[in-house]
Amino acid sequence: MKPLWFHRCQLANLVLTSDNIFRCKECDFLSNGFAYKCNECGMHTCLRCQAVPPDALSCPGHEHPLLYYFDFHGQCSACGLDIKPTFSCKDCNYSVEPLCMLLPTRVSHKCDDHLLALTYHDIHDYSKHHYCDICEQKRDPNRWFYHCTTCDTSAHVKCVLGEYPFIKTGSIYKEGDHPHPLTFVKKIKLYPECTKCGEPCEELALECAEPECNYLVHWKCMNPYASGSRYLTVRDF
């Protein structure tokens, strides 16, 4: 059976790398972590996708094992999007795409003092509970979300993980036309203005570490991958 990240080029051409930002050919997320890069075609596969086995997987949100199907067409039970291929239960109408299978089961967020747990079913029947405590918008109770049982905090996956969950802050961005190295940062306080667009730099940004240089820019203003991808940011669920 082929692994999920089976590559058409020779396996000898794959090298482990972590020296740049890339878009994974499997999950299509941007990342600057470790990946396997093909020296022949230049494609990257992140270690999260590489670690997904090709055989049956157990999913905490479902009682039966899930098998991987390359030719599946349907809807993801976690995020609600139309997907192919996917992990699917042969006995039930339950399918989860690889990206959702890779979501962290516990995460920290400033909205709560405790770790938030990835939750697969909403036990509340009343619609007043089906809101995100971060963005204060409605949640689909049939989709996965993050929850704190102690504080009864619930939030969308996207609101908890942010737009670019797999780009590590503090790392150096070596591309672009700025003469100095830029560092990935997340601006939460003060919100200085972006050098390119003039808007406040909230969330992920690039900052020059040179003392005399005040260069600061949104990642979205610098992002060379900003178009042509369905999965560049966390989905709305």
C-alpha atoms as a PDB file:
ATOM      1  CA  MET A   1       0.000   0.000   0.000  1.00  0.00           C
ATOM      2  CA  LYS A   2       1.344   3.431  -0.903  1.00  0.00           C
ATOM      3  CA  PRO A   3       1.986   5.819   1.982  1.00  0.00           C
ATOM      4  CA  LEU A   4      -0.073   8.998   2.094  1.00  0.00           C
ATOM      5  CA  TRP A   5       2.893  11.059   0.949  1.00  0.00           C
ATOM      6  CA  PHE A   6       3.955   8.729  -1.897  1.00  0.00           C
ATOM      7  CA  HIS A   7       6.046  10.724  -4.346  1.00  0.00           C
ATOM      8  CA  ARG A   8       6.277  10.136  -8.078  1.00  0.00           C
ATOM      9  CA  CYS A   9      10.010  10.957  -8.199  1.00  0.00           C
ATOM     10  CA  GLN A  10      12.633   8.537  -6.957  1.00  0.00           C
ATOM     11  CA  LEU A  11      12.852   8.329  -3.151  1.00  0.00           C
ATOM     12  CA  ALA A  12      16.601   8.895  -3.429  1.00  0.00           C
ATOM     13  CA  ASN A  13      15.857  12.491  -4.448  1.00  0.00           C
ATOM     14  CA  LEU A  14      14.139  13.294  -1.128  1.00  0.00           C
ATOM     15  CA  VAL A  15      16.154  15.170   1.486  1.00  0.00           C
ATOM     16  CA  LEU A  16      15.184  16.349   4.955  1.00  0.00           C
ATOM     17  CA  THR A  17      15.278  20.141   5.165  1.00  0.00           C
ATOM     18  CA  SER A  18      14.266  22.994   7.449  1.00  0.00           C
ATOM     19  CA  ASP A  19      16.005  25.973   5.881  1.00  0.00           C
ATOM     20  CA  ASN A  20      13.113  27.844   4.293  1.00  0.00           C
ATOM     21  CA  ILE A  21       9.387  28.429   4.198  1.00  0.00           C
ATOM     22  CA  PHE A  22       7.439  26.052   1.987  1.00  0.00           C
ATOM     23  CA  ARG A  23       3.968  24.911   1.038  1.00  0.00           C
ATOM     24  CA  CYS A  24       3.319  21.222   1.684  1.00  0.00           C
ATOM     25  CA  LYS A  25       2.152  19.403  -1.428  1.00  0.00           C
ATOM     26  CA  GLU A  26      -0.179  17.207   0.654  1.00  0.00           C
ATOM     27  CA  CYS A  27      -1.947  19.518   3.124  1.00  0.00           C
ATOM     28  CA  ASP A  28      -1.075  22.749   1.240  1.00  0.00           C
ATOM     29  CA  PHE A  29      -0.284  24.590   4.484  1.00  0.00           C
ATOM     30  CA  LEU A  30       2.567  27.061   4.728  1.00  0.00           C
ATOM     31  CA  SER A  31       5.270  25.997   7.170  1.00  0.00           C
ATOM     32  CA  ASN A  32       8.876  26.657   8.065  1.00  0.00           C
ATOM     33  CA  GLY A  33       9.406  23.441   9.989  1.00  0.00           C
ATOM     34  CA  PHE A  34      10.997  20.205   8.858  1.00  0.00           C
ATOM     35  CA  ALA A  35      10.016  18.702   5.514  1.00  0.00           C
ATOM     36  CA  TYR A  36      11.125  16.262   2.860  1.00  0.00           C
ATOM     37  CA  LYS A  37      12.121  18.138  -0.277  1.00  0.00           C
ATOM     38  CA  CYS A  38      12.451  16.548  -3.700  1.00  0.00           C
ATOM     39  CA  ASN A  39      15.620  17.725  -5.430  1.00  0.00           C
ATOM     40  CA  GLU A  40      14.113  16.849  -8.807  1.00  0.00           C
ATOM     41  CA  CYS A  41      10.757  18.677  -8.738  1.00  0.00           C
ATOM     42  CA  GLY A  42      11.248  20.969  -5.718  1.00  0.00           C
ATOM     43  CA  MET A  43       8.084  19.852  -3.907  1.00  0.00           C
ATOM     44  CA  HIS A  44       7.951  19.660  -0.105  1.00  0.00           C
ATOM     45  CA  THR A  45       6.076  17.281   2.200  1.00  0.00           C
ATOM     46  CA  CYS A  46       5.828  18.354   5.838  1.00  0.00           C
ATOM     47  CA  LEU A  47       6.613  15.861   8.583  1.00  0.00           C
ATOM     48  CA  ARG A  48       3.014  15.958   9.794  1.00  0.00           C
ATOM     49  CA  CYS A  49       1.795  14.521   6.499  1.00  0.00           C
ATOM     50  CA  GLN A  50       4.760  12.167   6.243  1.00  0.00           C
ATOM     51  CA  ALA A  51       3.838  10.695   9.617  1.00  0.00           C
ATOM     52  CA  VAL A  52       0.284   9.776   8.606  1.00  0.00           C
ATOM     53  CA  PRO A  53       0.222   5.976   8.046  1.00  0.00           C
ATOM     54  CA  PRO A  54      -1.521   4.515   4.969  1.00  0.00           C
ATOM     55  CA  ASP A  55      -3.509   1.940   6.902  1.00  0.00           C
ATOM     56  CA  ALA A  56      -6.389   2.221   9.374  1.00  0.00           C
ATOM     57  CA  LEU A  57      -6.354   5.101  11.840  1.00  0.00           C
ATOM     58  CA  SER A  58      -8.329   5.537  15.009  1.00  0.00           C
ATOM     59  CA  CYS A  59     -10.129   8.841  15.429  1.00  0.00           C
ATOM     60  CA  PRO A  60     -11.254  10.006  18.899  1.00  0.00           C
ATOM     61  CA  GLY A  61     -14.368  11.451  17.305  1.00  0.00           C
ATOM     62  CA  HIS A  62     -15.524   8.150  15.822  1.00  0.00           C
ATOM     63  CA  GLU A  63     -15.918   4.610  17.115  1.00  0.00           C
ATOM     64  CA  HIS A  64     -14.680   2.785  13.990  1.00  0.00           C
ATOM     65  CA  PRO A  65     -11.217   2.826  12.360  1.00  0.00           C
ATOM     66  CA  LEU A  66     -10.793   5.061   9.321  1.00  0.00           C
ATOM     67  CA  LEU A  67      -9.160   3.883   6.086  1.00  0.00           C
ATOM     68  CA  TYR A  68      -7.424   6.117   3.561  1.00  0.00           C
ATOM     69  CA  TYR A  69      -9.059   6.415   0.127  1.00  0.00           C
ATOM     70  CA  PHE A  70      -7.306   8.203  -2.745  1.00  0.00           C
ATOM     71  CA  ASP A  71     -10.447   8.298  -4.907  1.00  0.00           C
ATOM     72  CA  PHE A  72     -12.934   9.442  -2.254  1.00  0.00           C
ATOM     73  CA  HIS A  73     -15.277  12.346  -3.018  1.00  0.00           C
ATOM     74  CA  GLY A  74     -17.390  13.715  -0.195  1.00  0.00           C
ATOM     75  CA  GLN A  75     -17.586  16.034   2.793  1.00  0.00           C
ATOM     76  CA  CYS A  76     -15.238  16.191   5.760  1.00  0.00           C
ATOM     77  CA  SER A  77     -17.080  15.512   9.017  1.00  0.00           C
ATOM     78  CA  ALA A  78     -14.624  17.737  10.893  1.00  0.00           C
ATOM     79  CA  CYS A  79     -14.671  20.963   8.854  1.00  0.00           C
ATOM     80  CA  GLY A  80     -17.579  20.432   6.458  1.00  0.00           C
ATOM     81  CA  LEU A  81     -15.637  21.075   3.248  1.00  0.00           C
ATOM     82  CA  ASP A  82     -15.888  18.964   0.112  1.00  0.00           C
ATOM     83  CA  ILE A  83     -12.743  16.887  -0.011  1.00  0.00           C
ATOM     84  CA  LYS A  84     -10.701  14.259  -1.806  1.00  0.00           C
ATOM     85  CA  PRO A  85      -8.861  12.101  -0.871  1.00  0.00           C
ATOM     86  CA  THR A  86      -9.651  11.335   2.765  1.00  0.00           C
ATOM     87  CA  PHE A  87      -9.827   8.954   5.692  1.00  0.00           C
ATOM     88  CA  SER A  88     -13.258   7.367   5.746  1.00  0.00           C
ATOM     89  CA  CYS A  89     -15.250   4.804   7.705  1.00  0.00           C
ATOM     90  CA  LYS A  90     -16.514   2.016   5.466  1.00  0.00           C
ATOM     91  CA  ASP A  91     -19.456   1.360   7.797  1.00  0.00           C
ATOM     92  CA  CYS A  92     -20.645   4.936   8.366  1.00  0.00           C
ATOM     93  CA  ASN A  93     -20.971   8.192   6.498  1.00  0.00           C
ATOM     94  CA  TYR A  94     -17.985   9.612   8.377  1.00  0.00           C
ATOM     95  CA  SER A  95     -14.898  11.019   6.686  1.00  0.00           C
ATOM     96  CA  VAL A  96     -12.014  13.184   7.833  1.00  0.00           C
ATOM     97  CA  GLU A  97      -9.427  14.735   5.569  1.00  0.00           C
ATOM     98  CA  PRO A  98      -5.716  14.316   6.447  1.00  0.00           C
ATOM     99  CA  LEU A  99      -5.301  17.933   7.526  1.00  0.00           C
ATOM    100  CA  CYS A 100      -8.045  17.658  10.147  1.00  0.00           C
ATOM    101  CA  MET A 101      -6.601  14.357  11.337  1.00  0.00           C
ATOM    102  CA  LEU A 102      -3.386  16.266  12.067  1.00  0.00           C
ATOM    103  CA  LEU A 103      -4.946  18.994  14.229  1.00  0.00           C
ATOM    104  CA  PRO A 104      -3.305  19.259  17.678  1.00  0.00           C
ATOM    105  CA  THR A 105      -5.462  17.660  20.358  1.00  0.00           C
ATOM    106  CA  ARG A 106      -4.533  20.228  23.018  1.00  0.00           C
ATOM    107  CA  VAL A 107      -3.455  23.841  22.554  1.00  0.00           C
ATOM    108  CA  SER A 108      -2.994  26.973  24.623  1.00  0.00           C
ATOM    109  CA  HIS A 109      -4.657  30.298  23.840  1.00  0.00           C
ATOM    110  CA  LYS A 110      -4.847  33.646  25.587  1.00  0.00           C
ATOM    111  CA  CYS A 111      -8.651  33.324  25.832  1.00  0.00           C
ATOM    112  CA  ASP A 112      -8.335  30.734  28.619  1.00  0.00           C
ATOM    113  CA  ASP A 113      -5.953  29.865  31.443  1.00  0.00           C
ATOM    114  CA  HIS A 114      -6.227  26.141  30.683  1.00  0.00           C
ATOM    115  CA  LEU A 115      -5.331  24.046  27.674  1.00  0.00           C
ATOM    116  CA  LEU A 116      -8.125  23.796  25.119  1.00  0.00           C
ATOM    117  CA  ALA A 117      -9.002  20.289  23.956  1.00  0.00           C
ATOM    118  CA  LEU A 118      -9.984  19.410  20.410  1.00  0.00           C
ATOM    119  CA  THR A 119     -13.646  18.404  20.739  1.00  0.00           C
ATOM    120  CA  TYR A 120     -15.595  16.332  18.252  1.00  0.00           C
ATOM    121  CA  HIS A 121     -19.183  16.547  19.491  1.00  0.00           C
ATOM    122  CA  ASP A 122     -21.073  19.407  21.115  1.00  0.00           C
ATOM    123  CA  ILE A 123     -22.992  18.114  24.126  1.00  0.00           C
ATOM    124  CA  HIS A 124     -25.112  21.267  24.386  1.00  0.00           C
ATOM    125  CA  ASP A 125     -28.478  21.204  22.637  1.00  0.00           C
ATOM    126  CA  TYR A 126     -29.257  24.879  23.120  1.00  0.00           C
ATOM    127  CA  SER A 127     -28.263  27.280  20.367  1.00  0.00           C
ATOM    128  CA  LYS A 128     -26.985  29.857  22.880  1.00  0.00           C
ATOM    129  CA  HIS A 129     -23.991  27.579  23.497  1.00  0.00           C
ATOM    130  CA  HIS A 130     -23.083  27.354  19.806  1.00  0.00           C
ATOM    131  CA  TYR A 131     -20.918  30.466  19.701  1.00  0.00           C
ATOM    132  CA  CYS A 132     -17.191  31.040  19.544  1.00  0.00           C
ATOM    133  CA  ASP A 133     -15.854  32.756  22.664  1.00  0.00           C
ATOM    134  CA  ILE A 134     -13.048  34.372  20.661  1.00  0.00           C
ATOM    135  CA  CYS A 135     -14.783  35.912  17.636  1.00  0.00           C
ATOM    136  CA  GLU A 136     -18.295  35.769  19.194  1.00  0.00           C
ATOM    137  CA  GLN A 137     -19.730  34.376  15.968  1.00  0.00           C
ATOM    138  CA  LYS A 138     -21.891  31.273  15.600  1.00  0.00           C
ATOM    139  CA  ARG A 139     -20.342  27.814  15.536  1.00  0.00           C
ATOM    140  CA  ASP A 140     -21.640  24.796  13.676  1.00  0.00           C
ATOM    141  CA  PRO A 141     -22.245  22.252  16.488  1.00  0.00           C
ATOM    142  CA  ASN A 142     -21.601  19.422  14.032  1.00  0.00           C
ATOM    143  CA  ARG A 143     -18.002  20.520  13.383  1.00  0.00           C
ATOM    144  CA  TRP A 144     -14.901  20.056  15.487  1.00  0.00           C
ATOM    145  CA  PHE A 145     -13.932  22.862  17.861  1.00  0.00           C
ATOM    146  CA  TYR A 146     -11.679  23.603  20.828  1.00  0.00           C
ATOM    147  CA  HIS A 147     -13.142  23.549  24.335  1.00  0.00           C
ATOM    148  CA  CYS A 148     -12.210  24.028  27.987  1.00  0.00           C
ATOM    149  CA  THR A 149     -14.465  21.978  30.254  1.00  0.00           C
ATOM    150  CA  THR A 150     -13.385  23.911  33.367  1.00  0.00           C
ATOM    151  CA  CYS A 151     -14.361  27.342  32.036  1.00  0.00           C
ATOM    152  CA  ASP A 152     -16.854  26.158  29.403  1.00  0.00           C
ATOM    153  CA  THR A 153     -14.907  28.057  26.743  1.00  0.00           C
ATOM    154  CA  SER A 154     -15.567  27.027  23.140  1.00  0.00           C
ATOM    155  CA  ALA A 155     -13.938  28.355  19.989  1.00  0.00           C
ATOM    156  CA  HIS A 156     -13.524  27.758  16.272  1.00  0.00           C
ATOM    157  CA  VAL A 157     -10.427  25.838  15.256  1.00  0.00           C
ATOM    158  CA  LYS A 158      -9.345  28.780  13.116  1.00  0.00           C
ATOM    159  CA  CYS A 159      -9.781  31.290  15.942  1.00  0.00           C
ATOM    160  CA  VAL A 160      -7.594  29.210  18.262  1.00  0.00           C
ATOM    161  CA  LEU A 161      -4.818  28.226  15.858  1.00  0.00           C
ATOM    162  CA  GLY A 162      -4.645  31.506  13.944  1.00  0.00           C
ATOM    163  CA  GLU A 163      -4.112  32.062  10.243  1.00  0.00           C
ATOM    164  CA  TYR A 164      -0.683  30.409  10.004  1.00  0.00           C
ATOM    165  CA  PRO A 165      -0.318  27.833  12.786  1.00  0.00           C
ATOM    166  CA  PHE A 166       2.705  26.077  11.261  1.00  0.00           C
ATOM    167  CA  ILE A 167       4.972  29.097  10.817  1.00  0.00           C
ATOM    168  CA  LYS A 168       7.269  29.330  13.829  1.00  0.00           C
ATOM    169  CA  THR A 169       7.858  32.789  15.263  1.00  0.00           C
ATOM    170  CA  GLY A 170      11.458  33.757  15.918  1.00  0.00           C
ATOM    171  CA  SER A 171      12.678  32.068  12.746  1.00  0.00           C
ATOM    172  CA  ILE A 172      14.427  33.972   9.971  1.00  0.00           C
ATOM    173  CA  TYR A 173      12.841  34.737   6.597  1.00  0.00           C
ATOM    174  CA  LYS A 174      15.579  34.764   3.949  1.00  0.00           C
ATOM    175  CA  GLU A 175      13.565  35.650   0.859  1.00  0.00           C
ATOM    176  CA  GLY A 176      12.213  38.990  -0.328  1.00  0.00           C
ATOM    177  CA  ASP A 177      13.958  42.214  -1.353  1.00  0.00           C
ATOM    178  CA  HIS A 178      14.731  43.735   2.059  1.00  0.00           C
ATOM    179  CA  PRO A 179      18.519  44.126   2.551  1.00  0.00           C
ATOM    180  CA  HIS A 180      18.490  42.709   6.108  1.00  0.00           C
ATOM    181  CA  PRO A 181      17.272  39.378   7.502  1.00  0.00           C
ATOM    182  CA  LEU A 182      13.671  39.444   8.723  1.00  0.00           C
ATOM    183  CA  THR A 183      12.250  37.614  11.724  1.00  0.00           C
ATOM    184  CA  PHE A 184       8.751  36.149  12.020  1.00  0.00           C
ATOM    185  CA  VAL A 185       6.923  37.811  14.922  1.00  0.00           C
ATOM    186  CA  LYS A 186       3.380  37.992  16.245  1.00  0.00           C
ATOM    187  CA  LYS A 187       2.317  41.471  17.235  1.00  0.00           C
ATOM    188  CA  ILE A 188      -0.329  41.417  19.953  1.00  0.00           C
ATOM    189  CA  LYS A 189       0.197  44.779  21.664  1.00  0.00           C
ATOM    190  CA  LEU A 190       0.739  48.306  20.318  1.00  0.00           C
ATOM    191  CA  TYR A 191       0.007  47.241  16.718  1.00  0.00           C
ATOM    192  CA  PRO A 192       2.698  49.217  14.828  1.00  0.00           C
ATOM    193  CA  GLU A 193       1.950  50.083  11.214  1.00  0.00           C
ATOM    194  CA  CYS A 194       2.937  47.885   8.285  1.00  0.00           C
ATOM    195  CA  THR A 195       5.639  49.445   6.110  1.00  0.00           C
ATOM    196  CA  LYS A 196       3.881  48.312   2.924  1.00  0.00           C
ATOM    197  CA  CYS A 197       0.145  48.876   3.501  1.00  0.00           C
ATOM    198  CA  GLY A 198       0.095  51.244   6.488  1.00  0.00           C
ATOM    199  CA  GLU A 199      -2.405  49.137   8.431  1.00  0.00           C
ATOM    200  CA  PRO A 200      -1.738  47.975  12.028  1.00  0.00           C
ATOM    201  CA  CYS A 201       0.462  44.867  12.131  1.00  0.00           C
ATOM    202  CA  GLU A 202      -1.656  42.382  14.021  1.00  0.00           C
ATOM    203  CA  GLU A 203      -0.896  38.654  14.079  1.00  0.00           C
ATOM    204  CA  LEU A 204       1.964  37.289  11.948  1.00  0.00           C
ATOM    205  CA  ALA A 205       4.466  39.819  10.639  1.00  0.00           C
ATOM    206  CA  LEU A 206       8.087  40.159   9.548  1.00  0.00           C
ATOM    207  CA  GLU A 207      10.372  42.477  11.485  1.00  0.00           C
ATOM    208  CA  CYS A 208      13.890  43.675  10.793  1.00  0.00           C
ATOM    209  CA  ALA A 209      16.256  43.110  13.706  1.00  0.00           C
ATOM    210  CA  GLU A 210      18.674  45.869  12.688  1.00  0.00           C
ATOM    211  CA  PRO A 211      18.635  48.590  15.411  1.00  0.00           C
ATOM    212  CA  GLU A 212      18.465  51.478  12.942  1.00  0.00           C
ATOM    213  CA  CYS A 213      15.847  49.876  10.703  1.00  0.00           C
ATOM    214  CA  ASN A 214      12.161  50.147  11.596  1.00  0.00           C
ATOM    215  CA  TYR A 215      10.993  47.836   8.829  1.00  0.00           C
ATOM    216  CA  LEU A 216       7.869  45.865   9.808  1.00  0.00           C
ATOM    217  CA  VAL A 217       5.472  44.251   7.360  1.00  0.00           C
ATOM    218  CA  HIS A 218       2.445  41.962   7.467  1.00  0.00           C
ATOM    219  CA  TRP A 219       3.252  38.434   6.382  1.00  0.00           C
ATOM    220  CA  LYS A 220       0.208  38.636   4.093  1.00  0.00           C
ATOM    221  CA  CYS A 221       1.817  41.649   2.374  1.00  0.00           C
ATOM    222  CA  MET A 222       5.040  39.713   1.765  1.00  0.00           C
ATOM    223  CA  ASN A 223       3.545  36.253   1.257  1.00  0.00           C
ATOM    224  CA  PRO A 224       4.557  34.911  -2.190  1.00  0.00           C
ATOM    225  CA  TYR A 225       2.009  32.094  -1.759  1.00  0.00           C
ATOM    226  CA  ALA A 226      -0.958  34.404  -1.169  1.00  0.00           C
ATOM    227  CA  SER A 227      -3.061  33.104  -4.068  1.00  0.00           C
ATOM    228  CA  GLY A 228      -3.838  29.867  -5.835  1.00  0.00           C
ATOM    229  CA  SER A 229      -4.280  27.633  -2.815  1.00  0.00           C
ATOM    230  CA  ARG A 230      -7.319  26.350  -1.027  1.00  0.00           C
ATOM    231  CA  TYR A 231      -5.586  25.543   2.245  1.00  0.00           C
ATOM    232  CA  LEU A 232      -3.133  28.377   2.839  1.00  0.00           C
ATOM    233  CA  THR A 233      -4.826  29.350   6.107  1.00  0.00           C
ATOM    234  CA  VAL A 234      -6.873  27.470   8.642  1.00  0.00           C
ATOM    235  CA  ARG A 235     -10.381  26.836   7.395  1.00  0.00           C
ATOM    236  CA  ASP A 236     -13.462  28.538   8.856  1.00  0.00           C
ATOM    237  CA  PHE A 237     -14.716  25.882  11.249  1.00  0.00           C
END
